[in-house]
Full PDB file with SEQRES, HELIX, SHEET, SSBOND, CRYST1, ORIGX, SCALE, CONECT and MASTER records, all heavy atoms in Angstrom:
SEQRES   1 A   37  MET ILE LEU LYS PRO ILE ARG THR ARG LYS ILE TYR GLU          
SEQRES   2 A   37  GLN ILE VAL ASP GLN ILE GLY GLN LEU VAL ALA GLN GLY          
SEQRES   3 A   37  GLN LEU LYS PRO GLY ASP ARG LEU PRO SER GLU                  
HELIX    1 AA1 ILE A   11  ALA A   24  1                                  14    
CRYST1    1.000    1.000    1.000  90.00  90.00  90.00 P 1           1          
ORIGX1      1.000000  0.000000  0.000000        0.00000                         
ORIGX2      0.000000  1.000000  0.000000        0.00000                         
ORIGX3      0.000000  0.000000  1.000000        0.00000                         
SCALE1      1.000000  0.000000  0.000000        0.00000                         
SCALE2      0.000000  1.000000  0.000000        0.00000                         
SCALE3      0.000000  0.000000  1.000000        0.00000                         
ATOM      1  N   MET A   1    -184.526 -83.879  45.430  1.00  0.00           N  
ATOM      2  CA  MET A   1    -184.877 -83.670  46.851  1.00  0.00           C  
ATOM      3  C   MET A   1    -186.253 -84.288  47.125  1.00  0.00           C  
ATOM      4  O   MET A   1    -187.205 -84.012  46.394  1.00  0.00           O  
ATOM      5  CB  MET A   1    -184.917 -82.167  47.168  1.00  0.00           C  
ATOM      6  CG  MET A   1    -185.256 -81.873  48.622  1.00  0.00           C  
ATOM      7  SD  MET A   1    -185.440 -80.107  48.932  1.00  0.00           S  
ATOM      8  CE  MET A   1    -183.824 -79.521  48.539  1.00  0.00           C  
ATOM      9  N   ILE A   2    -186.330 -85.122  48.171  1.00  0.00           N  
ATOM     10  CA  ILE A   2    -187.602 -85.742  48.541  1.00  0.00           C  
ATOM     11  C   ILE A   2    -188.113 -85.088  49.815  1.00  0.00           C  
ATOM     12  O   ILE A   2    -187.453 -85.123  50.851  1.00  0.00           O  
ATOM     13  CB  ILE A   2    -187.425 -87.255  48.770  1.00  0.00           C  
ATOM     14  CG1 ILE A   2    -186.916 -87.913  47.475  1.00  0.00           C  
ATOM     15  CG2 ILE A   2    -188.740 -87.883  49.200  1.00  0.00           C  
ATOM     16  CD1 ILE A   2    -186.596 -89.379  47.631  1.00  0.00           C  
ATOM     17  N   LEU A   3    -189.274 -84.471  49.715  1.00  0.00           N  
ATOM     18  CA  LEU A   3    -189.885 -83.815  50.865  1.00  0.00           C  
ATOM     19  C   LEU A   3    -191.090 -84.626  51.328  1.00  0.00           C  
ATOM     20  O   LEU A   3    -191.876 -85.095  50.508  1.00  0.00           O  
ATOM     21  CB  LEU A   3    -190.332 -82.397  50.496  1.00  0.00           C  
ATOM     22  CG  LEU A   3    -189.211 -81.454  50.023  1.00  0.00           C  
ATOM     23  CD1 LEU A   3    -189.787 -80.110  49.608  1.00  0.00           C  
ATOM     24  CD2 LEU A   3    -188.186 -81.260  51.123  1.00  0.00           C  
ATOM     25  N   LYS A   4    -191.213 -84.784  52.624  1.00  0.00           N  
ATOM     26  CA  LYS A   4    -192.325 -85.552  53.179  1.00  0.00           C  
ATOM     27  C   LYS A   4    -193.363 -84.600  53.764  1.00  0.00           C  
ATOM     28  O   LYS A   4    -193.027 -83.533  54.261  1.00  0.00           O  
ATOM     29  CB  LYS A   4    -191.824 -86.504  54.274  1.00  0.00           C  
ATOM     30  CG  LYS A   4    -190.871 -87.572  53.746  1.00  0.00           C  
ATOM     31  CD  LYS A   4    -190.455 -88.513  54.857  1.00  0.00           C  
ATOM     32  CE  LYS A   4    -189.512 -89.591  54.319  1.00  0.00           C  
ATOM     33  NZ  LYS A   4    -189.082 -90.521  55.386  1.00  0.00           N  
ATOM     34  N   PRO A   5    -194.640 -84.986  53.703  1.00  0.00           N  
ATOM     35  CA  PRO A   5    -195.682 -84.113  54.243  1.00  0.00           C  
ATOM     36  C   PRO A   5    -195.531 -83.893  55.742  1.00  0.00           C  
ATOM     37  O   PRO A   5    -195.047 -84.772  56.457  1.00  0.00           O  
ATOM     38  CB  PRO A   5    -196.979 -84.872  53.938  1.00  0.00           C  
ATOM     39  CG  PRO A   5    -196.597 -86.181  53.380  1.00  0.00           C  
ATOM     40  CD  PRO A   5    -195.134 -86.219  53.155  1.00  0.00           C  
ATOM     41  N   ILE A   6    -195.910 -82.720  56.197  1.00  0.00           N  
ATOM     42  CA  ILE A   6    -195.891 -82.403  57.625  1.00  0.00           C  
ATOM     43  C   ILE A   6    -197.113 -83.024  58.278  1.00  0.00           C  
ATOM     44  O   ILE A   6    -198.241 -82.857  57.808  1.00  0.00           O  
ATOM     45  CB  ILE A   6    -195.919 -80.868  57.857  1.00  0.00           C  
ATOM     46  CG1 ILE A   6    -194.729 -80.207  57.150  1.00  0.00           C  
ATOM     47  CG2 ILE A   6    -195.927 -80.558  59.345  1.00  0.00           C  
ATOM     48  CD1 ILE A   6    -193.391 -80.644  57.667  1.00  0.00           C  
ATOM     49  N   ARG A   7    -196.892 -83.748  59.340  1.00  0.00           N  
ATOM     50  CA  ARG A   7    -198.006 -84.399  60.024  1.00  0.00           C  
ATOM     51  C   ARG A   7    -198.251 -83.733  61.381  1.00  0.00           C  
ATOM     52  O   ARG A   7    -197.332 -83.593  62.171  1.00  0.00           O  
ATOM     53  CB  ARG A   7    -197.716 -85.890  60.228  1.00  0.00           C  
ATOM     54  CG  ARG A   7    -197.702 -86.681  58.931  1.00  0.00           C  
ATOM     55  CD  ARG A   7    -197.516 -88.168  59.221  1.00  0.00           C  
ATOM     56  NE  ARG A   7    -197.654 -88.966  58.012  1.00  0.00           N  
ATOM     57  CZ  ARG A   7    -196.670 -89.182  57.155  1.00  0.00           C  
ATOM     58  NH1 ARG A   7    -195.480 -88.666  57.366  1.00  0.00           N  
ATOM     59  NH2 ARG A   7    -196.875 -89.922  56.074  1.00  0.00           N  
ATOM     60  N   THR A   8    -199.494 -83.337  61.600  1.00  0.00           N  
ATOM     61  CA  THR A   8    -199.873 -82.765  62.896  1.00  0.00           C  
ATOM     62  C   THR A   8    -200.092 -83.899  63.877  1.00  0.00           C  
ATOM     63  O   THR A   8    -200.782 -84.868  63.567  1.00  0.00           O  
ATOM     64  CB  THR A   8    -201.170 -81.951  62.774  1.00  0.00           C  
ATOM     65  OG1 THR A   8    -200.981 -80.941  61.778  1.00  0.00           O  
ATOM     66  CG2 THR A   8    -201.532 -81.296  64.096  1.00  0.00           C  
ATOM     67  N   ARG A   9    -199.505 -83.813  65.038  1.00  0.00           N  
ATOM     68  CA  ARG A   9    -199.654 -84.875  66.027  1.00  0.00           C  
ATOM     69  C   ARG A   9    -201.076 -84.901  66.555  1.00  0.00           C  
ATOM     70  O   ARG A   9    -201.691 -83.875  66.805  1.00  0.00           O  
ATOM     71  CB  ARG A   9    -198.679 -84.651  67.186  1.00  0.00           C  
ATOM     72  CG  ARG A   9    -197.232 -84.741  66.766  1.00  0.00           C  
ATOM     73  CD  ARG A   9    -196.344 -84.821  67.984  1.00  0.00           C  
ATOM     74  NE  ARG A   9    -196.538 -86.077  68.690  1.00  0.00           N  
ATOM     75  CZ  ARG A   9    -196.213 -86.253  69.973  1.00  0.00           C  
ATOM     76  NH1 ARG A   9    -195.718 -85.275  70.673  1.00  0.00           N  
ATOM     77  NH2 ARG A   9    -196.390 -87.421  70.553  1.00  0.00           N  
ATOM     78  N   LYS A  10    -201.589 -86.105  66.732  1.00  0.00           N  
ATOM     79  CA  LYS A  10    -202.938 -86.262  67.247  1.00  0.00           C  
ATOM     80  C   LYS A  10    -202.978 -85.867  68.724  1.00  0.00           C  
ATOM     81  O   LYS A  10    -201.994 -85.992  69.441  1.00  0.00           O  
ATOM     82  CB  LYS A  10    -203.406 -87.703  67.055  1.00  0.00           C  
ATOM     83  CG  LYS A  10    -203.543 -88.085  65.580  1.00  0.00           C  
ATOM     84  CD  LYS A  10    -203.965 -89.541  65.424  1.00  0.00           C  
ATOM     85  CE  LYS A  10    -204.090 -89.904  63.956  1.00  0.00           C  
ATOM     86  NZ  LYS A  10    -204.448 -91.323  63.756  1.00  0.00           N  
ATOM     87  N   ILE A  11    -204.148 -85.428  69.152  1.00  0.00           N  
ATOM     88  CA  ILE A  11    -204.305 -84.950  70.533  1.00  0.00           C  
ATOM     89  C   ILE A  11    -203.988 -86.052  71.534  1.00  0.00           C  
ATOM     90  O   ILE A  11    -203.281 -85.838  72.526  1.00  0.00           O  
ATOM     91  CB  ILE A  11    -205.737 -84.405  70.750  1.00  0.00           C  
ATOM     92  CG1 ILE A  11    -205.927 -83.121  69.935  1.00  0.00           C  
ATOM     93  CG2 ILE A  11    -205.998 -84.146  72.233  1.00  0.00           C  
ATOM     94  CD1 ILE A  11    -207.345 -82.610  69.912  1.00  0.00           C  
ATOM     95  N   TYR A  12    -204.477 -87.272  71.268  1.00  0.00           N  
ATOM     96  CA  TYR A  12    -204.268 -88.340  72.242  1.00  0.00           C  
ATOM     97  C   TYR A  12    -202.782 -88.658  72.411  1.00  0.00           C  
ATOM     98  O   TYR A  12    -202.340 -89.042  73.498  1.00  0.00           O  
ATOM     99  CB  TYR A  12    -205.075 -89.587  71.869  1.00  0.00           C  
ATOM    100  CG  TYR A  12    -204.407 -90.524  70.892  1.00  0.00           C  
ATOM    101  CD1 TYR A  12    -203.566 -91.548  71.352  1.00  0.00           C  
ATOM    102  CD2 TYR A  12    -204.607 -90.409  69.518  1.00  0.00           C  
ATOM    103  CE1 TYR A  12    -202.950 -92.416  70.477  1.00  0.00           C  
ATOM    104  CE2 TYR A  12    -204.002 -91.278  68.639  1.00  0.00           C  
ATOM    105  CZ  TYR A  12    -203.182 -92.275  69.113  1.00  0.00           C  
ATOM    106  OH  TYR A  12    -202.571 -93.138  68.241  1.00  0.00           O  
ATOM    107  N   GLU A  13    -201.979 -88.494  71.332  1.00  0.00           N  
ATOM    108  CA  GLU A  13    -200.544 -88.743  71.424  1.00  0.00           C  
ATOM    109  C   GLU A  13    -199.874 -87.747  72.368  1.00  0.00           C  
ATOM    110  O   GLU A  13    -198.940 -88.102  73.101  1.00  0.00           O  
ATOM    111  CB  GLU A  13    -199.902 -88.667  70.043  1.00  0.00           C  
ATOM    112  CG  GLU A  13    -200.325 -89.804  69.112  1.00  0.00           C  
ATOM    113  CD  GLU A  13    -199.757 -89.649  67.716  1.00  0.00           C  
ATOM    114  OE1 GLU A  13    -199.391 -88.518  67.337  1.00  0.00           O  
ATOM    115  OE2 GLU A  13    -199.677 -90.664  66.994  1.00  0.00           O  
ATOM    116  N   GLN A  14    -200.342 -86.500  72.358  1.00  0.00           N  
ATOM    117  CA  GLN A  14    -199.795 -85.487  73.255  1.00  0.00           C  
ATOM    118  C   GLN A  14    -200.154 -85.795  74.707  1.00  0.00           C  
ATOM    119  O   GLN A  14    -199.352 -85.571  75.622  1.00  0.00           O  
ATOM    120  CB  GLN A  14    -200.324 -84.103  72.854  1.00  0.00           C  
ATOM    121  CG  GLN A  14    -199.896 -83.690  71.443  1.00  0.00           C  
ATOM    122  CD  GLN A  14    -200.484 -82.353  71.036  1.00  0.00           C  
ATOM    123  OE1 GLN A  14    -200.334 -81.367  71.750  1.00  0.00           O  
ATOM    124  NE2 GLN A  14    -201.157 -82.316  69.890  1.00  0.00           N  
ATOM    125  N   ILE A  15    -201.359 -86.332  74.910  1.00  0.00           N  
ATOM    126  CA  ILE A  15    -201.772 -86.731  76.263  1.00  0.00           C  
ATOM    127  C   ILE A  15    -200.897 -87.884  76.760  1.00  0.00           C  
ATOM    128  O   ILE A  15    -200.422 -87.880  77.902  1.00  0.00           O  
ATOM    129  CB  ILE A  15    -203.263 -87.144  76.274  1.00  0.00           C  
ATOM    130  CG1 ILE A  15    -204.154 -85.957  75.887  1.00  0.00           C  
ATOM    131  CG2 ILE A  15    -203.664 -87.681  77.656  1.00  0.00           C  
ATOM    132  CD1 ILE A  15    -205.601 -86.332  75.626  1.00  0.00           C  
ATOM    133  N   VAL A  16    -200.681 -88.857  75.886  1.00  0.00           N  
ATOM    134  CA  VAL A  16    -199.823 -90.000  76.225  1.00  0.00           C  
ATOM    135  C   VAL A  16    -198.430 -89.517  76.607  1.00  0.00           C  
ATOM    136  O   VAL A  16    -197.839 -89.976  77.592  1.00  0.00           O  
ATOM    137  CB  VAL A  16    -199.750 -90.992  75.042  1.00  0.00           C  
ATOM    138  CG1 VAL A  16    -198.638 -92.020  75.262  1.00  0.00           C  
ATOM    139  CG2 VAL A  16    -201.085 -91.699  74.856  1.00  0.00           C  
ATOM    140  N   ASP A  17    -197.883 -88.563  75.831  1.00  0.00           N  
ATOM    141  CA  ASP A  17    -196.552 -88.020  76.115  1.00  0.00           C  
ATOM    142  C   ASP A  17    -196.497 -87.372  77.497  1.00  0.00           C  
ATOM    143  O   ASP A  17    -195.552 -87.579  78.262  1.00  0.00           O  
ATOM    144  CB  ASP A  17    -196.165 -86.985  75.054  1.00  0.00           C  
ATOM    145  CG  ASP A  17    -195.505 -87.628  73.844  1.00  0.00           C  
ATOM    146  OD1 ASP A  17    -195.328 -88.855  73.862  1.00  0.00           O  
ATOM    147  OD2 ASP A  17    -195.178 -86.907  72.895  1.00  0.00           O  
ATOM    148  N   GLN A  18    -197.508 -86.573  77.809  1.00  0.00           N  
ATOM    149  CA  GLN A  18    -197.516 -85.863  79.101  1.00  0.00           C  
ATOM    150  C   GLN A  18    -197.564 -86.839  80.268  1.00  0.00           C  
ATOM    151  O   GLN A  18    -196.823 -86.691  81.248  1.00  0.00           O  
ATOM    152  CB  GLN A  18    -198.709 -84.904  79.167  1.00  0.00           C  
ATOM    153  CG  GLN A  18    -198.520 -83.628  78.360  1.00  0.00           C  
ATOM    154  CD  GLN A  18    -199.472 -82.531  78.821  1.00  0.00           C  
ATOM    155  OE1 GLN A  18    -199.624 -82.295  80.023  1.00  0.00           O  
ATOM    156  NE2 GLN A  18    -200.097 -81.863  77.863  1.00  0.00           N  
ATOM    157  N   ILE A  19    -198.434 -87.841  80.167  1.00  0.00           N  
ATOM    158  CA  ILE A  19    -198.540 -88.818  81.257  1.00  0.00           C  
ATOM    159  C   ILE A  19    -197.259 -89.642  81.352  1.00  0.00           C  
ATOM    160  O   ILE A  19    -196.753 -89.918  82.448  1.00  0.00           O  
ATOM    161  CB  ILE A  19    -199.775 -89.718  81.057  1.00  0.00           C  
ATOM    162  CG1 ILE A  19    -201.048 -88.876  81.223  1.00  0.00           C  
ATOM    163  CG2 ILE A  19    -199.772 -90.881  82.050  1.00  0.00           C  
ATOM    164  CD1 ILE A  19    -202.338 -89.606  80.947  1.00  0.00           C  
ATOM    165  N   GLY A  20    -196.695 -90.005  80.204  1.00  0.00           N  
ATOM    166  CA  GLY A  20    -195.434 -90.746  80.194  1.00  0.00           C  
ATOM    167  C   GLY A  20    -194.309 -89.963  80.848  1.00  0.00           C  
ATOM    168  O   GLY A  20    -193.492 -90.523  81.586  1.00  0.00           O  
ATOM    169  N   GLN A  21    -194.266 -88.658  80.596  1.00  0.00           N  
ATOM    170  CA  GLN A  21    -193.230 -87.819  81.196  1.00  0.00           C  
ATOM    171  C   GLN A  21    -193.410 -87.720  82.705  1.00  0.00           C  
ATOM    172  O   GLN A  21    -192.425 -87.723  83.454  1.00  0.00           O  
ATOM    173  CB  GLN A  21    -193.272 -86.430  80.571  1.00  0.00           C  
ATOM    174  CG  GLN A  21    -192.712 -86.376  79.148  1.00  0.00           C  
ATOM    175  CD  GLN A  21    -192.935 -85.032  78.498  1.00  0.00           C  
ATOM    176  OE1 GLN A  21    -193.195 -84.024  79.163  1.00  0.00           O  
ATOM    177  NE2 GLN A  21    -192.848 -84.990  77.164  1.00  0.00           N  
ATOM    178  N   LEU A  22    -194.658 -87.660  83.167  1.00  0.00           N  
ATOM    179  CA  LEU A  22    -194.922 -87.603  84.611  1.00  0.00           C  
ATOM    180  C   LEU A  22    -194.445 -88.884  85.300  1.00  0.00           C  
ATOM    181  O   LEU A  22    -193.927 -88.846  86.414  1.00  0.00           O  
ATOM    182  CB  LEU A  22    -196.413 -87.383  84.871  1.00  0.00           C  
ATOM    183  CG  LEU A  22    -196.965 -85.998  84.493  1.00  0.00           C  
ATOM    184  CD1 LEU A  22    -198.482 -85.975  84.643  1.00  0.00           C  
ATOM    185  CD2 LEU A  22    -196.334 -84.904  85.351  1.00  0.00           C  
ATOM    186  N   VAL A  23    -194.621 -90.017  84.607  1.00  0.00           N  
ATOM    187  CA  VAL A  23    -194.141 -91.300  85.153  1.00  0.00           C  
ATOM    188  C   VAL A  23    -192.617 -91.317  85.183  1.00  0.00           C  
ATOM    189  O   VAL A  23    -191.994 -91.699  86.172  1.00  0.00           O  
ATOM    190  CB  VAL A  23    -194.687 -92.483  84.325  1.00  0.00           C  
ATOM    191  CG1 VAL A  23    -194.038 -93.794  84.780  1.00  0.00           C  
ATOM    192  CG2 VAL A  23    -196.206 -92.573  84.452  1.00  0.00           C  
ATOM    193  N   ALA A  24    -192.005 -90.876  84.069  1.00  0.00           N  
ATOM    194  CA  ALA A  24    -190.540 -90.864  83.975  1.00  0.00           C  
ATOM    195  C   ALA A  24    -189.916 -89.958  85.026  1.00  0.00           C  
ATOM    196  O   ALA A  24    -188.839 -90.242  85.555  1.00  0.00           O  
ATOM    197  CB  ALA A  24    -190.115 -90.422  82.579  1.00  0.00           C  
ATOM    198  N   GLN A  25    -190.588 -88.850  85.335  1.00  0.00           N  
ATOM    199  CA  GLN A  25    -190.071 -87.896  86.316  1.00  0.00           C  
ATOM    200  C   GLN A  25    -190.376 -88.296  87.758  1.00  0.00           C  
ATOM    201  O   GLN A  25    -189.901 -87.656  88.701  1.00  0.00           O  
ATOM    202  CB  GLN A  25    -190.672 -86.512  86.039  1.00  0.00           C  
ATOM    203  CG  GLN A  25    -190.220 -85.893  84.724  1.00  0.00           C  
ATOM    204  CD  GLN A  25    -191.100 -84.733  84.287  1.00  0.00           C  
ATOM    205  OE1 GLN A  25    -192.028 -84.320  85.003  1.00  0.00           O  
ATOM    206  NE2 GLN A  25    -190.838 -84.210  83.102  1.00  0.00           N  
ATOM    207  N   GLY A  26    -191.176 -89.354  87.933  1.00  0.00           N  
ATOM    208  CA  GLY A  26    -191.503 -89.819  89.276  1.00  0.00           C  
ATOM    209  C   GLY A  26    -192.666 -89.098  89.918  1.00  0.00           C  
ATOM    210  O   GLY A  26    -192.983 -89.345  91.088  1.00  0.00           O  
ATOM    211  N   GLN A  27    -193.333 -88.224  89.161  1.00  0.00           N  
ATOM    212  CA  GLN A  27    -194.496 -87.522  89.713  1.00  0.00           C  
ATOM    213  C   GLN A  27    -195.718 -88.439  89.767  1.00  0.00           C  
ATOM    214  O   GLN A  27    -196.625 -88.229  90.558  1.00  0.00           O  
ATOM    215  CB  GLN A  27    -194.802 -86.270  88.894  1.00  0.00           C  
ATOM    216  CG  GLN A  27    -193.693 -85.226  88.971  1.00  0.00           C  
ATOM    217  CD  GLN A  27    -194.057 -83.952  88.224  1.00  0.00           C  
ATOM    218  OE1 GLN A  27    -195.129 -83.389  88.417  1.00  0.00           O  
ATOM    219  NE2 GLN A  27    -193.149 -83.504  87.361  1.00  0.00           N  
ATOM    220  N   LEU A  28    -195.726 -89.442  88.885  1.00  0.00           N  
ATOM    221  CA  LEU A  28    -196.717 -90.517  88.954  1.00  0.00           C  
ATOM    222  C   LEU A  28    -195.952 -91.803  89.208  1.00  0.00           C  
ATOM    223  O   LEU A  28    -195.013 -92.129  88.482  1.00  0.00           O  
ATOM    224  CB  LEU A  28    -197.514 -90.613  87.645  1.00  0.00           C  
ATOM    225  CG  LEU A  28    -198.622 -89.591  87.420  1.00  0.00           C  
ATOM    226  CD1 LEU A  28    -199.207 -89.737  86.010  1.00  0.00           C  
ATOM    227  CD2 LEU A  28    -199.738 -89.742  88.458  1.00  0.00           C  
ATOM    228  N   LYS A  29    -196.352 -92.536  90.233  1.00  0.00           N  
ATOM    229  CA  LYS A  29    -195.629 -93.747  90.622  1.00  0.00           C  
ATOM    230  C   LYS A  29    -196.523 -94.979  90.480  1.00  0.00           C  
ATOM    231  O   LYS A  29    -197.756 -94.851  90.463  1.00  0.00           O  
ATOM    232  CB  LYS A  29    -195.140 -93.629  92.065  1.00  0.00           C  
ATOM    233  CG  LYS A  29    -194.159 -92.477  92.289  1.00  0.00           C  
ATOM    234  CD  LYS A  29    -193.738 -92.407  93.742  1.00  0.00           C  
ATOM    235  CE  LYS A  29    -192.686 -91.325  93.969  1.00  0.00           C  
ATOM    236  NZ  LYS A  29    -193.206 -89.968  93.639  1.00  0.00           N  
ATOM    237  N   PRO A  30    -195.913 -96.181  90.377  1.00  0.00           N  
ATOM    238  CA  PRO A  30    -196.712 -97.410  90.318  1.00  0.00           C  
ATOM    239  C   PRO A  30    -197.707 -97.473  91.471  1.00  0.00           C  
ATOM    240  O   PRO A  30    -197.352 -97.235  92.626  1.00  0.00           O  
ATOM    241  CB  PRO A  30    -195.659 -98.521  90.439  1.00  0.00           C  
ATOM    242  CG  PRO A  30    -194.419 -97.909  89.868  1.00  0.00           C  
ATOM    243  CD  PRO A  30    -194.463 -96.463  90.275  1.00  0.00           C  
ATOM    244  N   GLY A  31    -198.971 -97.761  91.133  1.00  0.00           N  
ATOM    245  CA  GLY A  31    -200.024 -97.820  92.140  1.00  0.00           C  
ATOM    246  C   GLY A  31    -200.827 -96.546  92.255  1.00  0.00           C  
ATOM    247  O   GLY A  31    -201.930 -96.549  92.828  1.00  0.00           O  
ATOM    248  N   ASP A  32    -200.297 -95.428  91.726  1.00  0.00           N  
ATOM    249  CA  ASP A  32    -201.044 -94.167  91.754  1.00  0.00           C  
ATOM    250  C   ASP A  32    -202.272 -94.264  90.855  1.00  0.00           C  
ATOM    251  O   ASP A  32    -202.221 -94.859  89.772  1.00  0.00           O  
ATOM    252  CB  ASP A  32    -200.183 -92.993  91.291  1.00  0.00           C  
ATOM    253  CG  ASP A  32    -199.163 -92.566  92.335  1.00  0.00           C  
ATOM    254  OD1 ASP A  32    -199.216 -93.101  93.462  1.00  0.00           O  
ATOM    255  OD2 ASP A  32    -198.311 -91.712  92.018  1.00  0.00           O  
ATOM    256  N   ARG A  33    -203.357 -93.650  91.304  1.00  0.00           N  
ATOM    257  CA  ARG A  33    -204.605 -93.647  90.535  1.00  0.00           C  
ATOM    258  C   ARG A  33    -204.686 -92.377  89.697  1.00  0.00           C  
ATOM    259  O   ARG A  33    -204.444 -91.274  90.193  1.00  0.00           O  
ATOM    260  CB  ARG A  33    -205.798 -93.713  91.486  1.00  0.00           C  
ATOM    261  CG  ARG A  33    -207.154 -93.866  90.810  1.00  0.00           C  
ATOM    262  CD  ARG A  33    -208.254 -93.979  91.872  1.00  0.00           C  
ATOM    263  NE  ARG A  33    -209.548 -94.209  91.281  1.00  0.00           N  
ATOM    264  CZ  ARG A  33    -210.355 -93.247  90.820  1.00  0.00           C  
ATOM    265  NH1 ARG A  33    -209.961 -91.975  90.901  1.00  0.00           N  
ATOM    266  NH2 ARG A  33    -211.529 -93.541  90.289  1.00  0.00           N  
ATOM    267  N   LEU A  34    -204.996 -92.550  88.412  1.00  0.00           N  
ATOM    268  CA  LEU A  34    -205.182 -91.387  87.545  1.00  0.00           C  
ATOM    269  C   LEU A  34    -206.511 -90.713  87.853  1.00  0.00           C  
ATOM    270  O   LEU A  34    -207.452 -91.366  88.327  1.00  0.00           O  
ATOM    271  CB  LEU A  34    -205.170 -91.811  86.074  1.00  0.00           C  
ATOM    272  CG  LEU A  34    -203.836 -92.152  85.428  1.00  0.00           C  
ATOM    273  CD1 LEU A  34    -204.056 -92.505  83.955  1.00  0.00           C  
ATOM    274  CD2 LEU A  34    -202.851 -91.008  85.528  1.00  0.00           C  
ATOM    275  N   PRO A  35    -206.622 -89.421  87.593  1.00  0.00           N  
ATOM    276  CA  PRO A  35    -207.916 -88.752  87.741  1.00  0.00           C  
ATOM    277  C   PRO A  35    -208.976 -89.422  86.869  1.00  0.00           C  
ATOM    278  O   PRO A  35    -208.649 -90.109  85.901  1.00  0.00           O  
ATOM    279  CB  PRO A  35    -207.631 -87.321  87.261  1.00  0.00           C  
ATOM    280  CG  PRO A  35    -206.156 -87.151  87.437  1.00  0.00           C  
ATOM    281  CD  PRO A  35    -205.557 -88.499  87.178  1.00  0.00           C  
ATOM    282  N   SER A  36    -210.240 -89.200  87.195  1.00  0.00           N  
ATOM    283  CA  SER A  36    -211.333 -89.789  86.417  1.00  0.00           C  
ATOM    284  C   SER A  36    -211.350 -89.224  84.998  1.00  0.00           C  
ATOM    285  O   SER A  36    -210.704 -88.215  84.702  1.00  0.00           O  
ATOM    286  CB  SER A  36    -212.676 -89.503  87.086  1.00  0.00           C  
ATOM    287  OG  SER A  36    -212.944 -88.104  87.008  1.00  0.00           O  
ATOM    288  N   GLU A  37    -212.087 -89.875  84.132  1.00  0.00           N  
ATOM    289  CA  GLU A  37    -212.191 -89.416  82.746  1.00  0.00           C  
ATOM    290  C   GLU A  37    -212.687 -87.973  82.689  1.00  0.00           C  
ATOM    291  O   GLU A  37    -212.168 -87.157  81.920  1.00  0.00           O  
ATOM    292  CB  GLU A  37    -213.151 -90.337  81.979  1.00  0.00           C  
ATOM    293  CG  GLU A  37    -213.262 -90.014  80.504  1.00  0.00           C  
ATOM    294  CD  GLU A  37    -214.204 -90.953  79.780  1.00  0.00           C  
ATOM    295  OE1 GLU A  37    -213.843 -92.130  79.586  1.00  0.00           O  
ATOM    296  OE2 GLU A  37    -215.315 -90.493  79.420  1.00  0.00           O  
TER     297      GLU A  37                                                      
MASTER        0    0    0    1    0    0    0    6  296    1    0    3          
END                                                                             
């Protein structure tokens, strides 16, 4: 049996996922401005 180490997802990857989902759902549309840093 080959077991692979568990990897914790990086914070920035979770942010990317959330913004990507907002685009996919149409809550963020082309031309929309993201909030400031």
